[in-house]
Amino acid sequence: MEMRPIVDKQLGRWYFSFNPVFEKSFKGQNSSQGFEFAPSAKLSYDVTDVVALGVEYYGGLGTVGAPDSLDNQEHTIYPAVDLNLSPDWEFNFGVGFGLTRVSDNLIFKLILGYRF
């Protein structure tokens, strides 16, 4: 189960969002653990009506109330591009760089979205 509230704001060409994610496994190996905190954030700038450039952050801090040590937390930064391909379609691509030893060193992400 996840709770994913999103707080975001568009100010002119600038966009900011914060997504404090709380995750909980109810079955399986990690079901005895409490909620985990995995925040994410984004800052981007609309270069044109179609193209936005930005940076995204994704983290995994461990269990709420007993976070992992910094060495065991995941922190990843993604330079990213957003393309508004049409009123219905959006495309997001980023290359992530891990900031801690337990984070992936290099990871690619791609989101193709359809607005309805």
C-alpha atoms as a PDB file:
ATOM      1  CA  MET A   1       0.000   0.000   0.000  1.00  0.00           C
ATOM      2  CA  GLU A   2       1.193   3.506  -0.768  1.00  0.00           C
ATOM      3  CA  MET A   3       0.026   6.975   0.107  1.00  0.00           C
ATOM      4  CA  ARG A   4       1.255   9.431  -2.524  1.00  0.00           C
ATOM      5  CA  PRO A   5       0.149  12.993  -1.862  1.00  0.00           C
ATOM      6  CA  ILE A   6       1.558  15.498  -4.342  1.00  0.00           C
ATOM      7  CA  VAL A   7       2.088  19.174  -3.552  1.00  0.00           C
ATOM      8  CA  ASP A   8       2.935  21.142  -6.669  1.00  0.00           C
ATOM      9  CA  LYS A   9       3.000  24.690  -7.964  1.00  0.00           C
ATOM     10  CA  GLN A  10       3.499  26.299 -11.372  1.00  0.00           C
ATOM     11  CA  LEU A  11       4.965  29.829 -11.195  1.00  0.00           C
ATOM     12  CA  GLY A  12       5.306  31.201 -14.688  1.00  0.00           C
ATOM     13  CA  ARG A  13       7.736  28.892 -16.496  1.00  0.00           C
ATOM     14  CA  TRP A  14       8.927  27.258 -13.231  1.00  0.00           C
ATOM     15  CA  TYR A  15       7.339  24.098 -11.824  1.00  0.00           C
ATOM     16  CA  PHE A  16       7.947  22.577  -8.388  1.00  0.00           C
ATOM     17  CA  SER A  17       6.522  19.422  -6.846  1.00  0.00           C
ATOM     18  CA  PHE A  18       7.042  17.488  -3.623  1.00  0.00           C
ATOM     19  CA  ASN A  19       5.775  13.948  -3.213  1.00  0.00           C
ATOM     20  CA  PRO A  20       6.134  12.520   0.326  1.00  0.00           C
ATOM     21  CA  VAL A  21       5.466   8.807  -0.281  1.00  0.00           C
ATOM     22  CA  PHE A  22       4.633   6.420   2.564  1.00  0.00           C
ATOM     23  CA  GLU A  23       4.861   2.707   1.697  1.00  0.00           C
ATOM     24  CA  LYS A  24       3.828  -0.388   3.648  1.00  0.00           C
ATOM     25  CA  SER A  25       4.000  -4.097   2.784  1.00  0.00           C
ATOM     26  CA  PHE A  26       1.130  -6.100   4.277  1.00  0.00           C
ATOM     27  CA  LYS A  27       2.281  -9.457   2.934  1.00  0.00           C
ATOM     28  CA  GLY A  28       5.669 -11.034   2.353  1.00  0.00           C
ATOM     29  CA  GLN A  29       9.209 -10.503   3.582  1.00  0.00           C
ATOM     30  CA  ASN A  30       8.869  -6.886   4.818  1.00  0.00           C
ATOM     31  CA  SER A  31       5.311  -7.093   6.188  1.00  0.00           C
ATOM     32  CA  SER A  32       6.494  -6.860   9.811  1.00  0.00           C
ATOM     33  CA  GLN A  33       8.078  -3.441   9.200  1.00  0.00           C
ATOM     34  CA  GLY A  34       6.234  -0.151   9.615  1.00  0.00           C
ATOM     35  CA  PHE A  35       5.636   2.478   6.959  1.00  0.00           C
ATOM     36  CA  GLU A  36       8.684   3.520   4.954  1.00  0.00           C
ATOM     37  CA  PHE A  37       9.283   7.101   3.840  1.00  0.00           C
ATOM     38  CA  ALA A  38      10.314   7.577   0.197  1.00  0.00           C
ATOM     39  CA  PRO A  39      10.141  11.276  -0.727  1.00  0.00           C
ATOM     40  CA  SER A  40      10.562  12.700  -4.191  1.00  0.00           C
ATOM     41  CA  ALA A  41      10.722  16.226  -5.613  1.00  0.00           C
ATOM     42  CA  LYS A  42      11.010  17.967  -8.954  1.00  0.00           C
ATOM     43  CA  LEU A  43      12.066  21.395 -10.186  1.00  0.00           C
ATOM     44  CA  SER A  44      11.731  22.185 -13.882  1.00  0.00           C
ATOM     45  CA  TYR A  45      11.696  25.117 -16.276  1.00  0.00           C
ATOM     46  CA  ASP A  46       9.520  25.357 -19.402  1.00  0.00           C
ATOM     47  CA  VAL A  47      12.003  26.184 -22.167  1.00  0.00           C
ATOM     48  CA  THR A  48       9.131  26.202 -24.694  1.00  0.00           C
ATOM     49  CA  ASP A  49       5.472  25.156 -24.636  1.00  0.00           C
ATOM     50  CA  VAL A  50       6.662  21.643 -25.567  1.00  0.00           C
ATOM     51  CA  VAL A  51      10.001  21.202 -23.749  1.00  0.00           C
ATOM     52  CA  ALA A  52      10.771  21.477 -20.024  1.00  0.00           C
ATOM     53  CA  LEU A  53      14.171  20.768 -18.469  1.00  0.00           C
ATOM     54  CA  GLY A  54      14.604  19.962 -14.828  1.00  0.00           C
ATOM     55  CA  VAL A  55      16.012  17.917 -12.014  1.00  0.00           C
ATOM     56  CA  GLU A  56      14.200  15.225 -10.035  1.00  0.00           C
ATOM     57  CA  TYR A  57      15.033  13.626  -6.696  1.00  0.00           C
ATOM     58  CA  TYR A  58      13.965  10.198  -5.421  1.00  0.00           C
ATOM     59  CA  GLY A  59      14.807   8.920  -1.951  1.00  0.00           C
ATOM     60  CA  GLY A  60      14.296   5.958   0.321  1.00  0.00           C
ATOM     61  CA  LEU A  61      14.932   6.903   3.939  1.00  0.00           C
ATOM     62  CA  GLY A  62      13.749   3.772   5.738  1.00  0.00           C
ATOM     63  CA  THR A  63      11.048   3.231   8.313  1.00  0.00           C
ATOM     64  CA  VAL A  64       9.144   6.211   9.706  1.00  0.00           C
ATOM     65  CA  GLY A  65      10.315   6.803  13.272  1.00  0.00           C
ATOM     66  CA  ALA A  66      13.488   4.742  12.772  1.00  0.00           C
ATOM     67  CA  PRO A  67      15.143   5.909   9.535  1.00  0.00           C
ATOM     68  CA  ASP A  68      18.099   4.034   8.112  1.00  0.00           C
ATOM     69  CA  SER A  69      21.585   5.425   8.623  1.00  0.00           C
ATOM     70  CA  LEU A  70      22.643   7.797   5.841  1.00  0.00           C
ATOM     71  CA  ASP A  71      24.863   5.059   4.343  1.00  0.00           C
ATOM     72  CA  ASN A  72      21.802   2.789   4.003  1.00  0.00           C
ATOM     73  CA  GLN A  73      19.428   5.376   2.575  1.00  0.00           C
ATOM     74  CA  GLU A  74      18.773   5.701  -1.152  1.00  0.00           C
ATOM     75  CA  HIS A  75      19.193   9.138  -2.723  1.00  0.00           C
ATOM     76  CA  THR A  76      19.115   9.574  -6.516  1.00  0.00           C
ATOM     77  CA  ILE A  77      19.213  12.722  -8.682  1.00  0.00           C
ATOM     78  CA  TYR A  78      17.830  12.713 -12.244  1.00  0.00           C
ATOM     79  CA  PRO A  79      18.469  15.450 -14.787  1.00  0.00           C
ATOM     80  CA  ALA A  80      15.271  15.115 -16.816  1.00  0.00           C
ATOM     81  CA  VAL A  81      13.389  16.347 -19.861  1.00  0.00           C
ATOM     82  CA  ASP A  82       9.610  16.609 -20.232  1.00  0.00           C
ATOM     83  CA  LEU A  83       7.932  16.783 -23.618  1.00  0.00           C
ATOM     84  CA  ASN A  84       4.280  17.776 -24.016  1.00  0.00           C
ATOM     85  CA  LEU A  85       3.772  15.937 -27.283  1.00  0.00           C
ATOM     86  CA  SER A  86       0.105  16.913 -27.617  1.00  0.00           C
ATOM     87  CA  PRO A  87      -2.805  17.861 -25.356  1.00  0.00           C
ATOM     88  CA  ASP A  88      -3.182  14.111 -24.677  1.00  0.00           C
ATOM     89  CA  TRP A  89       0.396  12.780 -24.540  1.00  0.00           C
ATOM     90  CA  GLU A  90       3.406  13.553 -22.359  1.00  0.00           C
ATOM     91  CA  PHE A  91       6.896  12.055 -22.255  1.00  0.00           C
ATOM     92  CA  ASN A  92       9.452  12.190 -19.407  1.00  0.00           C
ATOM     93  CA  PHE A  93      12.996  10.861 -19.565  1.00  0.00           C
ATOM     94  CA  GLY A  94      15.810  11.054 -17.040  1.00  0.00           C
ATOM     95  CA  VAL A  95      19.222   9.618 -16.226  1.00  0.00           C
ATOM     96  CA  GLY A  96      19.664   8.983 -12.499  1.00  0.00           C
ATOM     97  CA  PHE A  97      22.848   9.142 -10.471  1.00  0.00           C
ATOM     98  CA  GLY A  98      22.965   7.497  -7.051  1.00  0.00           C
ATOM     99  CA  LEU A  99      24.374   9.575  -4.210  1.00  0.00           C
ATOM    100  CA  THR A 100      24.872   6.782  -1.637  1.00  0.00           C
ATOM    101  CA  ARG A 101      26.467   3.335  -1.738  1.00  0.00           C
ATOM    102  CA  VAL A 102      23.082   1.527  -1.674  1.00  0.00           C
ATOM    103  CA  SER A 103      21.645   3.663  -4.510  1.00  0.00           C
ATOM    104  CA  ASP A 104      21.968   2.533  -8.118  1.00  0.00           C
ATOM    105  CA  ASN A 105      25.042   4.160  -9.663  1.00  0.00           C
ATOM    106  CA  LEU A 106      23.293   4.824 -12.972  1.00  0.00           C
ATOM    107  CA  ILE A 107      19.638   4.315 -13.835  1.00  0.00           C
ATOM    108  CA  PHE A 108      17.370   5.416 -16.676  1.00  0.00           C
ATOM    109  CA  LYS A 109      13.684   6.282 -16.335  1.00  0.00           C
ATOM    110  CA  LEU A 110      11.049   6.852 -18.974  1.00  0.00           C
ATOM    111  CA  ILE A 111       7.404   7.741 -18.455  1.00  0.00           C
ATOM    112  CA  LEU A 112       4.927   7.917 -21.308  1.00  0.00           C
ATOM    113  CA  GLY A 113       1.688   9.454 -20.086  1.00  0.00           C
ATOM    114  CA  TYR A 114      -1.773   9.744 -21.593  1.00  0.00           C
ATOM    115  CA  ARG A 115      -4.079  12.445 -20.223  1.00  0.00           C
ATOM    116  CA  PHE A 116      -7.765  11.554 -20.095  1.00  0.00           C
END
